[in-house]
Amino acid sequence: MSLGTGIVLFVIGAILAFAVNVQLEWVDLHMIGYILMVAGVVGIILGIVLLTRRRTSVSTSRTAVDPATGERVSRRESDIDEPRV
């Protein structure tokens, strides 16, 4: 569940819980609204957790010669990009 889906579920749940004033015998729209709001909050939290777990990295390797001493200077930066689960 993505972050956007969680927000949409929360908004639809809030509309059903607070804005709709229809009484049906076979279903309680207010309770469905609260359930959707809880599912939306869970989706938002999961989306944030998955976003923060994702690491991105770039690998750069540079080799240069120092003009003053004539020695080689190597610089390596490593960055890993993990796929989403």
PDB file of N, CA and C in Angstrom:
ATOM      1  N   MET A   1       0.854  -1.162   0.000  1.00  0.00           N
ATOM      2  CA  MET A   1       0.000   0.000   0.000  1.00  0.00           C
ATOM      3  C   MET A   1       0.904   1.228   0.000  1.00  0.00           C
ATOM      4  N   SER A   2       0.627   2.124  -0.893  1.00  0.00           N
ATOM      5  CA  SER A   2       1.481   3.296  -0.992  1.00  0.00           C
ATOM      6  C   SER A   2       0.954   4.419  -0.100  1.00  0.00           C
ATOM      7  N   LEU A   3       1.724   5.453  -0.035  1.00  0.00           N
ATOM      8  CA  LEU A   3       1.374   6.605   0.782  1.00  0.00           C
ATOM      9  C   LEU A   3       0.103   7.275   0.257  1.00  0.00           C
ATOM     10  N   GLY A   4      -0.008   7.385  -1.060  1.00  0.00           N
ATOM     11  CA  GLY A   4      -1.189   8.012  -1.655  1.00  0.00           C
ATOM     12  C   GLY A   4      -2.465   7.221  -1.405  1.00  0.00           C
ATOM     13  N   THR A   5      -2.364   5.902  -1.446  1.00  0.00           N
ATOM     14  CA  THR A   5      -3.531   5.065  -1.180  1.00  0.00           C
ATOM     15  C   THR A   5      -4.004   5.235   0.256  1.00  0.00           C
ATOM     16  N   GLY A   6      -3.074   5.343   1.182  1.00  0.00           N
ATOM     17  CA  GLY A   6      -3.435   5.564   2.578  1.00  0.00           C
ATOM     18  C   GLY A   6      -4.151   6.894   2.777  1.00  0.00           C
ATOM     19  N   ILE A   7      -3.688   7.919   2.081  1.00  0.00           N
ATOM     20  CA  ILE A   7      -4.333   9.232   2.190  1.00  0.00           C
ATOM     21  C   ILE A   7      -5.741   9.179   1.605  1.00  0.00           C
ATOM     22  N   VAL A   8      -5.888   8.509   0.465  1.00  0.00           N
ATOM     23  CA  VAL A   8      -7.209   8.396  -0.164  1.00  0.00           C
ATOM     24  C   VAL A   8      -8.175   7.629   0.746  1.00  0.00           C
ATOM     25  N   LEU A   9      -7.715   6.530   1.335  1.00  0.00           N
ATOM     26  CA  LEU A   9      -8.575   5.775   2.249  1.00  0.00           C
ATOM     27  C   LEU A   9      -8.985   6.619   3.446  1.00  0.00           C
ATOM     28  N   PHE A  10      -8.053   7.390   3.977  1.00  0.00           N
ATOM     29  CA  PHE A  10      -8.365   8.231   5.129  1.00  0.00           C
ATOM     30  C   PHE A  10      -9.404   9.297   4.763  1.00  0.00           C
ATOM     31  N   VAL A  11      -9.257   9.914   3.599  1.00  0.00           N
ATOM     32  CA  VAL A  11     -10.196  10.959   3.179  1.00  0.00           C
ATOM     33  C   VAL A  11     -11.591  10.372   2.940  1.00  0.00           C
ATOM     34  N   ILE A  12     -11.663   9.241   2.246  1.00  0.00           N
ATOM     35  CA  ILE A  12     -12.966   8.613   2.006  1.00  0.00           C
ATOM     36  C   ILE A  12     -13.604   8.204   3.331  1.00  0.00           C
ATOM     37  N   GLY A  13     -12.802   7.678   4.245  1.00  0.00           N
ATOM     38  CA  GLY A  13     -13.330   7.305   5.560  1.00  0.00           C
ATOM     39  C   GLY A  13     -13.834   8.500   6.344  1.00  0.00           C
ATOM     40  N   ALA A  14     -13.114   9.618   6.273  1.00  0.00           N
ATOM     41  CA  ALA A  14     -13.556  10.817   6.983  1.00  0.00           C
ATOM     42  C   ALA A  14     -14.858  11.355   6.387  1.00  0.00           C
ATOM     43  N   ILE A  15     -14.990  11.278   5.078  1.00  0.00           N
ATOM     44  CA  ILE A  15     -16.238  11.719   4.445  1.00  0.00           C
ATOM     45  C   ILE A  15     -17.398  10.839   4.897  1.00  0.00           C
ATOM     46  N   LEU A  16     -17.193   9.518   4.903  1.00  0.00           N
ATOM     47  CA  LEU A  16     -18.262   8.618   5.337  1.00  0.00           C
ATOM     48  C   LEU A  16     -18.581   8.795   6.822  1.00  0.00           C
ATOM     49  N   ALA A  17     -17.577   9.034   7.642  1.00  0.00           N
ATOM     50  CA  ALA A  17     -17.798   9.117   9.086  1.00  0.00           C
ATOM     51  C   ALA A  17     -18.418  10.444   9.512  1.00  0.00           C
ATOM     52  N   PHE A  18     -18.048  11.531   8.860  1.00  0.00           N
ATOM     53  CA  PHE A  18     -18.454  12.840   9.362  1.00  0.00           C
ATOM     54  C   PHE A  18     -19.396  13.614   8.443  1.00  0.00           C
ATOM     55  N   ALA A  19     -19.359  13.378   7.131  1.00  0.00           N
ATOM     56  CA  ALA A  19     -20.129  14.217   6.214  1.00  0.00           C
ATOM     57  C   ALA A  19     -21.400  13.545   5.704  1.00  0.00           C
ATOM     58  N   VAL A  20     -21.425  12.242   5.619  1.00  0.00           N
ATOM     59  CA  VAL A  20     -22.603  11.556   5.088  1.00  0.00           C
ATOM     60  C   VAL A  20     -23.597  11.341   6.219  1.00  0.00           C
ATOM     61  N   ASN A  21     -24.826  11.758   5.968  1.00  0.00           N
ATOM     62  CA  ASN A  21     -25.859  11.643   6.996  1.00  0.00           C
ATOM     63  C   ASN A  21     -26.999  10.768   6.467  1.00  0.00           C
ATOM     64  N   VAL A  22     -26.665   9.555   6.056  1.00  0.00           N
ATOM     65  CA  VAL A  22     -27.642   8.615   5.506  1.00  0.00           C
ATOM     66  C   VAL A  22     -27.715   7.407   6.431  1.00  0.00           C
ATOM     67  N   GLN A  23     -28.935   6.986   6.752  1.00  0.00           N
ATOM     68  CA  GLN A  23     -29.123   5.821   7.594  1.00  0.00           C
ATOM     69  C   GLN A  23     -29.603   4.654   6.730  1.00  0.00           C
ATOM     70  N   LEU A  24     -28.842   3.575   6.747  1.00  0.00           N
ATOM     71  CA  LEU A  24     -29.235   2.359   6.039  1.00  0.00           C
ATOM     72  C   LEU A  24     -29.394   1.244   7.056  1.00  0.00           C
ATOM     73  N   GLU A  25     -30.363   0.359   6.818  1.00  0.00           N
ATOM     74  CA  GLU A  25     -30.605  -0.730   7.762  1.00  0.00           C
ATOM     75  C   GLU A  25     -29.492  -1.757   7.776  1.00  0.00           C
ATOM     76  N   TRP A  26     -28.974  -2.085   6.632  1.00  0.00           N
ATOM     77  CA  TRP A  26     -28.060  -3.216   6.496  1.00  0.00           C
ATOM     78  C   TRP A  26     -26.590  -2.848   6.645  1.00  0.00           C
ATOM     79  N   VAL A  27     -26.256  -1.559   6.729  1.00  0.00           N
ATOM     80  CA  VAL A  27     -24.859  -1.172   6.864  1.00  0.00           C
ATOM     81  C   VAL A  27     -24.758   0.128   7.664  1.00  0.00           C
ATOM     82  N   ASP A  28     -23.727   0.210   8.483  1.00  0.00           N
ATOM     83  CA  ASP A  28     -23.463   1.421   9.259  1.00  0.00           C
ATOM     84  C   ASP A  28     -22.327   2.184   8.567  1.00  0.00           C
ATOM     85  N   LEU A  29     -22.687   3.250   7.849  1.00  0.00           N
ATOM     86  CA  LEU A  29     -21.693   4.004   7.077  1.00  0.00           C
ATOM     87  C   LEU A  29     -20.673   4.705   7.973  1.00  0.00           C
ATOM     88  N   HIS A  30     -21.087   5.088   9.159  1.00  0.00           N
ATOM     89  CA  HIS A  30     -20.150   5.735  10.073  1.00  0.00           C
ATOM     90  C   HIS A  30     -19.051   4.760  10.510  1.00  0.00           C
ATOM     91  N   MET A  31     -19.439   3.523  10.804  1.00  0.00           N
ATOM     92  CA  MET A  31     -18.450   2.525  11.204  1.00  0.00           C
ATOM     93  C   MET A  31     -17.509   2.196  10.040  1.00  0.00           C
ATOM     94  N   ILE A  32     -18.054   2.084   8.832  1.00  0.00           N
ATOM     95  CA  ILE A  32     -17.199   1.845   7.666  1.00  0.00           C
ATOM     96  C   ILE A  32     -16.231   3.008   7.479  1.00  0.00           C
ATOM     97  N   GLY A  33     -16.699   4.223   7.721  1.00  0.00           N
ATOM     98  CA  GLY A  33     -15.822   5.393   7.637  1.00  0.00           C
ATOM     99  C   GLY A  33     -14.675   5.318   8.632  1.00  0.00           C
ATOM    100  N   TYR A  34     -14.974   4.940   9.864  1.00  0.00           N
ATOM    101  CA  TYR A  34     -13.916   4.812  10.874  1.00  0.00           C
ATOM    102  C   TYR A  34     -12.929   3.702  10.503  1.00  0.00           C
ATOM    103  N   ILE A  35     -13.451   2.603   9.986  1.00  0.00           N
ATOM    104  CA  ILE A  35     -12.573   1.498   9.575  1.00  0.00           C
ATOM    105  C   ILE A  35     -11.657   1.944   8.445  1.00  0.00           C
ATOM    106  N   LEU A  36     -12.201   2.670   7.465  1.00  0.00           N
ATOM    107  CA  LEU A  36     -11.362   3.166   6.364  1.00  0.00           C
ATOM    108  C   LEU A  36     -10.329   4.180   6.847  1.00  0.00           C
ATOM    109  N   MET A  37     -10.698   4.997   7.828  1.00  0.00           N
ATOM    110  CA  MET A  37      -9.728   5.952   8.373  1.00  0.00           C
ATOM    111  C   MET A  37      -8.573   5.223   9.068  1.00  0.00           C
ATOM    112  N   VAL A  38      -8.884   4.182   9.814  1.00  0.00           N
ATOM    113  CA  VAL A  38      -7.824   3.405  10.471  1.00  0.00           C
ATOM    114  C   VAL A  38      -6.943   2.722   9.430  1.00  0.00           C
ATOM    115  N   ALA A  39      -7.564   2.155   8.395  1.00  0.00           N
ATOM    116  CA  ALA A  39      -6.785   1.523   7.330  1.00  0.00           C
ATOM    117  C   ALA A  39      -5.917   2.554   6.616  1.00  0.00           C
ATOM    118  N   GLY A  40      -6.424   3.760   6.445  1.00  0.00           N
ATOM    119  CA  GLY A  40      -5.635   4.823   5.829  1.00  0.00           C
ATOM    120  C   GLY A  40      -4.443   5.216   6.669  1.00  0.00           C
ATOM    121  N   VAL A  41      -4.633   5.328   7.978  1.00  0.00           N
ATOM    122  CA  VAL A  41      -3.512   5.671   8.870  1.00  0.00           C
ATOM    123  C   VAL A  41      -2.458   4.575   8.836  1.00  0.00           C
ATOM    124  N   VAL A  42      -2.888   3.317   8.846  1.00  0.00           N
ATOM    125  CA  VAL A  42      -1.935   2.201   8.759  1.00  0.00           C
ATOM    126  C   VAL A  42      -1.178   2.256   7.432  1.00  0.00           C
ATOM    127  N   GLY A  43      -1.888   2.555   6.350  1.00  0.00           N
ATOM    128  CA  GLY A  43      -1.243   2.666   5.045  1.00  0.00           C
ATOM    129  C   GLY A  43      -0.241   3.812   4.987  1.00  0.00           C
ATOM    130  N   ILE A  44      -0.577   4.929   5.596  1.00  0.00           N
ATOM    131  CA  ILE A  44       0.341   6.075   5.625  1.00  0.00           C
ATOM    132  C   ILE A  44       1.595   5.722   6.420  1.00  0.00           C
ATOM    133  N   ILE A  45       1.416   5.089   7.573  1.00  0.00           N
ATOM    134  CA  ILE A  45       2.569   4.709   8.399  1.00  0.00           C
ATOM    135  C   ILE A  45       3.443   3.705   7.655  1.00  0.00           C
ATOM    136  N   LEU A  46       2.837   2.704   7.013  1.00  0.00           N
ATOM    137  CA  LEU A  46       3.619   1.729   6.248  1.00  0.00           C
ATOM    138  C   LEU A  46       4.353   2.405   5.092  1.00  0.00           C
ATOM    139  N   GLY A  47       3.698   3.328   4.428  1.00  0.00           N
ATOM    140  CA  GLY A  47       4.340   4.048   3.333  1.00  0.00           C
ATOM    141  C   GLY A  47       5.544   4.843   3.794  1.00  0.00           C
ATOM    142  N   ILE A  48       5.430   5.498   4.948  1.00  0.00           N
ATOM    143  CA  ILE A  48       6.553   6.270   5.486  1.00  0.00           C
ATOM    144  C   ILE A  48       7.685   5.347   5.902  1.00  0.00           C
ATOM    145  N   VAL A  49       7.355   4.225   6.536  1.00  0.00           N
ATOM    146  CA  VAL A  49       8.393   3.279   6.960  1.00  0.00           C
ATOM    147  C   VAL A  49       9.137   2.724   5.746  1.00  0.00           C
ATOM    148  N   LEU A  50       8.398   2.347   4.710  1.00  0.00           N
ATOM    149  CA  LEU A  50       9.057   1.816   3.516  1.00  0.00           C
ATOM    150  C   LEU A  50       9.885   2.877   2.807  1.00  0.00           C
ATOM    151  N   LEU A  51       9.458   4.125   2.858  1.00  0.00           N
ATOM    152  CA  LEU A  51      10.242   5.204   2.247  1.00  0.00           C
ATOM    153  C   LEU A  51      11.554   5.435   2.995  1.00  0.00           C
ATOM    154  N   THR A  52      11.517   5.372   4.319  1.00  0.00           N
ATOM    155  CA  THR A  52      12.735   5.631   5.088  1.00  0.00           C
ATOM    156  C   THR A  52      13.697   4.451   5.047  1.00  0.00           C
ATOM    157  N   ARG A  53      13.179   3.237   4.823  1.00  0.00           N
ATOM    158  CA  ARG A  53      14.065   2.071   4.746  1.00  0.00           C
ATOM    159  C   ARG A  53      14.840   2.016   3.449  1.00  0.00           C
ATOM    160  N   ARG A  54      14.339   2.643   2.435  1.00  0.00           N
ATOM    161  CA  ARG A  54      14.963   2.586   1.120  1.00  0.00           C
ATOM    162  C   ARG A  54      16.242   3.411   1.105  1.00  0.00           C
ATOM    163  N   ARG A  55      17.333   2.776   0.712  1.00  0.00           N
ATOM    164  CA  ARG A  55      18.620   3.470   0.637  1.00  0.00           C
ATOM    165  C   ARG A  55      19.005   3.608  -0.826  1.00  0.00           C
ATOM    166  N   THR A  56      19.483   4.780  -1.179  1.00  0.00           N
ATOM    167  CA  THR A  56      19.983   4.979  -2.529  1.00  0.00           C
ATOM    168  C   THR A  56      21.462   5.308  -2.445  1.00  0.00           C
ATOM    169  N   SER A  57      22.208   4.825  -3.407  1.00  0.00           N
ATOM    170  CA  SER A  57      23.631   5.102  -3.407  1.00  0.00           C
ATOM    171  C   SER A  57      24.176   5.105  -4.825  1.00  0.00           C
ATOM    172  N   VAL A  58      25.239   5.820  -4.987  1.00  0.00           N
ATOM    173  CA  VAL A  58      25.899   5.963  -6.279  1.00  0.00           C
ATOM    174  C   VAL A  58      27.357   5.597  -6.099  1.00  0.00           C
ATOM    175  N   SER A  59      27.906   4.867  -7.056  1.00  0.00           N
ATOM    176  CA  SER A  59      29.306   4.484  -6.989  1.00  0.00           C
ATOM    177  C   SER A  59      30.111   5.359  -7.945  1.00  0.00           C
ATOM    178  N   THR A  60      31.102   6.048  -7.397  1.00  0.00           N
ATOM    179  CA  THR A  60      31.954   6.932  -8.188  1.00  0.00           C
ATOM    180  C   THR A  60      33.402   6.607  -7.880  1.00  0.00           C
ATOM    181  N   SER A  61      34.188   6.448  -8.913  1.00  0.00           N
ATOM    182  CA  SER A  61      35.607   6.167  -8.731  1.00  0.00           C
ATOM    183  C   SER A  61      36.398   7.185  -9.547  1.00  0.00           C
ATOM    184  N   ARG A  62      37.327   7.873  -8.882  1.00  0.00           N
ATOM    185  CA  ARG A  62      38.135   8.885  -9.548  1.00  0.00           C
ATOM    186  C   ARG A  62      39.607   8.638  -9.245  1.00  0.00           C
ATOM    187  N   THR A  63      40.405   8.755 -10.250  1.00  0.00           N
ATOM    188  CA  THR A  63      41.838   8.633 -10.083  1.00  0.00           C
ATOM    189  C   THR A  63      42.491   9.890 -10.658  1.00  0.00           C
ATOM    190  N   ALA A  64      43.344  10.499  -9.881  1.00  0.00           N
ATOM    191  CA  ALA A  64      44.018  11.718 -10.324  1.00  0.00           C
ATOM    192  C   ALA A  64      45.470  11.678  -9.866  1.00  0.00           C
ATOM    193  N   VAL A  65      46.279  12.497 -10.482  1.00  0.00           N
ATOM    194  CA  VAL A  65      47.684  12.611 -10.106  1.00  0.00           C
ATOM    195  C   VAL A  65      47.879  13.960  -9.434  1.00  0.00           C
ATOM    196  N   ASP A  66      48.455  13.918  -8.231  1.00  0.00           N
ATOM    197  CA  ASP A  66      48.743  15.149  -7.508  1.00  0.00           C
ATOM    198  C   ASP A  66      49.908  15.856  -8.193  1.00  0.00           C
ATOM    199  N   PRO A  67      49.708  17.084  -8.687  1.00  0.00           N
ATOM    200  CA  PRO A  67      50.777  17.759  -9.416  1.00  0.00           C
ATOM    201  C   PRO A  67      51.985  18.113  -8.545  1.00  0.00           C
ATOM    202  N   ALA A  68      51.782  18.300  -7.247  1.00  0.00           N
ATOM    203  CA  ALA A  68      52.893  18.697  -6.386  1.00  0.00           C
ATOM    204  C   ALA A  68      53.812  17.516  -6.090  1.00  0.00           C
ATOM    205  N   THR A  69      53.254  16.359  -5.801  1.00  0.00           N
ATOM    206  CA  THR A  69      54.077  15.216  -5.405  1.00  0.00           C
ATOM    207  C   THR A  69      54.194  14.160  -6.500  1.00  0.00           C
ATOM    208  N   GLY A  70      53.285  14.171  -7.463  1.00  0.00           N
ATOM    209  CA  GLY A  70      53.334  13.192  -8.539  1.00  0.00           C
ATOM    210  C   GLY A  70      52.734  11.849  -8.172  1.00  0.00           C
ATOM    211  N   GLU A  71      52.126  11.725  -7.018  1.00  0.00           N
ATOM    212  CA  GLU A  71      51.535  10.439  -6.648  1.00  0.00           C
ATOM    213  C   GLU A  71      50.067  10.383  -7.052  1.00  0.00           C
ATOM    214  N   ARG A  72      49.590   9.154  -7.243  1.00  0.00           N
ATOM    215  CA  ARG A  72      48.205   8.946  -7.652  1.00  0.00           C
ATOM    216  C   ARG A  72      47.284   9.004  -6.437  1.00  0.00           C
ATOM    217  N   VAL A  73      46.185   9.655  -6.632  1.00  0.00           N
ATOM    218  CA  VAL A  73      45.187   9.777  -5.580  1.00  0.00           C
ATOM    219  C   VAL A  73      43.906   9.131  -6.099  1.00  0.00           C
ATOM    220  N   SER A  74      43.413   8.130  -5.380  1.00  0.00           N
ATOM    221  CA  SER A  74      42.175   7.450  -5.763  1.00  0.00           C
ATOM    222  C   SER A  74      41.093   7.776  -4.752  1.00  0.00           C
ATOM    223  N   ARG A  75      39.930   8.025  -5.273  1.00  0.00           N
ATOM    224  CA  ARG A  75      38.796   8.314  -4.408  1.00  0.00           C
ATOM    225  C   ARG A  75      37.635   7.446  -4.855  1.00  0.00           C
ATOM    226  N   ARG A  76      37.056   6.720  -3.930  1.00  0.00           N
ATOM    227  CA  ARG A  76      35.946   5.831  -4.262  1.00  0.00           C
ATOM    228  C   ARG A  76      34.781   6.096  -3.306  1.00  0.00           C
ATOM    229  N   GLU A  77      33.621   6.357  -3.880  1.00  0.00           N
ATOM    230  CA  GLU A  77      32.395   6.530  -3.113  1.00  0.00           C
ATOM    231  C   GLU A  77      31.438   5.434  -3.544  1.00  0.00           C
ATOM    232  N   SER A  78      30.835   4.774  -2.591  1.00  0.00           N
ATOM    233  CA  SER A  78      29.929   3.687  -2.904  1.00  0.00           C
ATOM    234  C   SER A  78      28.551   4.002  -2.338  1.00  0.00           C
ATOM    235  N   ASP A  79      27.548   3.774  -3.144  1.00  0.00           N
ATOM    236  CA  ASP A  79      26.183   4.014  -2.744  1.00  0.00           C
ATOM    237  C   ASP A  79      25.307   2.916  -3.317  1.00  0.00           C
ATOM    238  N   ILE A  80      24.478   2.298  -2.496  1.00  0.00           N
ATOM    239  CA  ILE A  80      23.703   1.128  -2.915  1.00  0.00           C
ATOM    240  C   ILE A  80      22.232   1.519  -3.020  1.00  0.00           C
ATOM    241  N   ASP A  81      21.599   1.095  -4.089  1.00  0.00           N
ATOM    242  CA  ASP A  81      20.182   1.301  -4.288  1.00  0.00           C
ATOM    243  C   ASP A  81      19.464  -0.033  -4.113  1.00  0.00           C
ATOM    244  N   GLU A  82      18.687  -0.129  -3.031  1.00  0.00           N
ATOM    245  CA  GLU A  82      17.966  -1.373  -2.760  1.00  0.00           C
ATOM    246  C   GLU A  82      16.579  -1.290  -3.384  1.00  0.00           C
ATOM    247  N   PRO A  83      16.121  -2.361  -4.009  1.00  0.00           N
ATOM    248  CA  PRO A  83      14.780  -2.355  -4.598  1.00  0.00           C
ATOM    249  C   PRO A  83      13.706  -2.387  -3.521  1.00  0.00           C
ATOM    250  N   ARG A  84      12.524  -1.895  -3.869  1.00  0.00           N
ATOM    251  CA  ARG A  84      11.400  -1.952  -2.939  1.00  0.00           C
ATOM    252  C   ARG A  84      10.888  -3.369  -2.806  1.00  0.00           C
ATOM    253  N   VAL A  85      10.371  -3.660  -1.644  1.00  0.00           N
ATOM    254  CA  VAL A  85       9.820  -4.994  -1.386  1.00  0.00           C
ATOM    255  C   VAL A  85       8.324  -4.945  -1.480  1.00  0.00           C
TER     256      VAL A  85
END
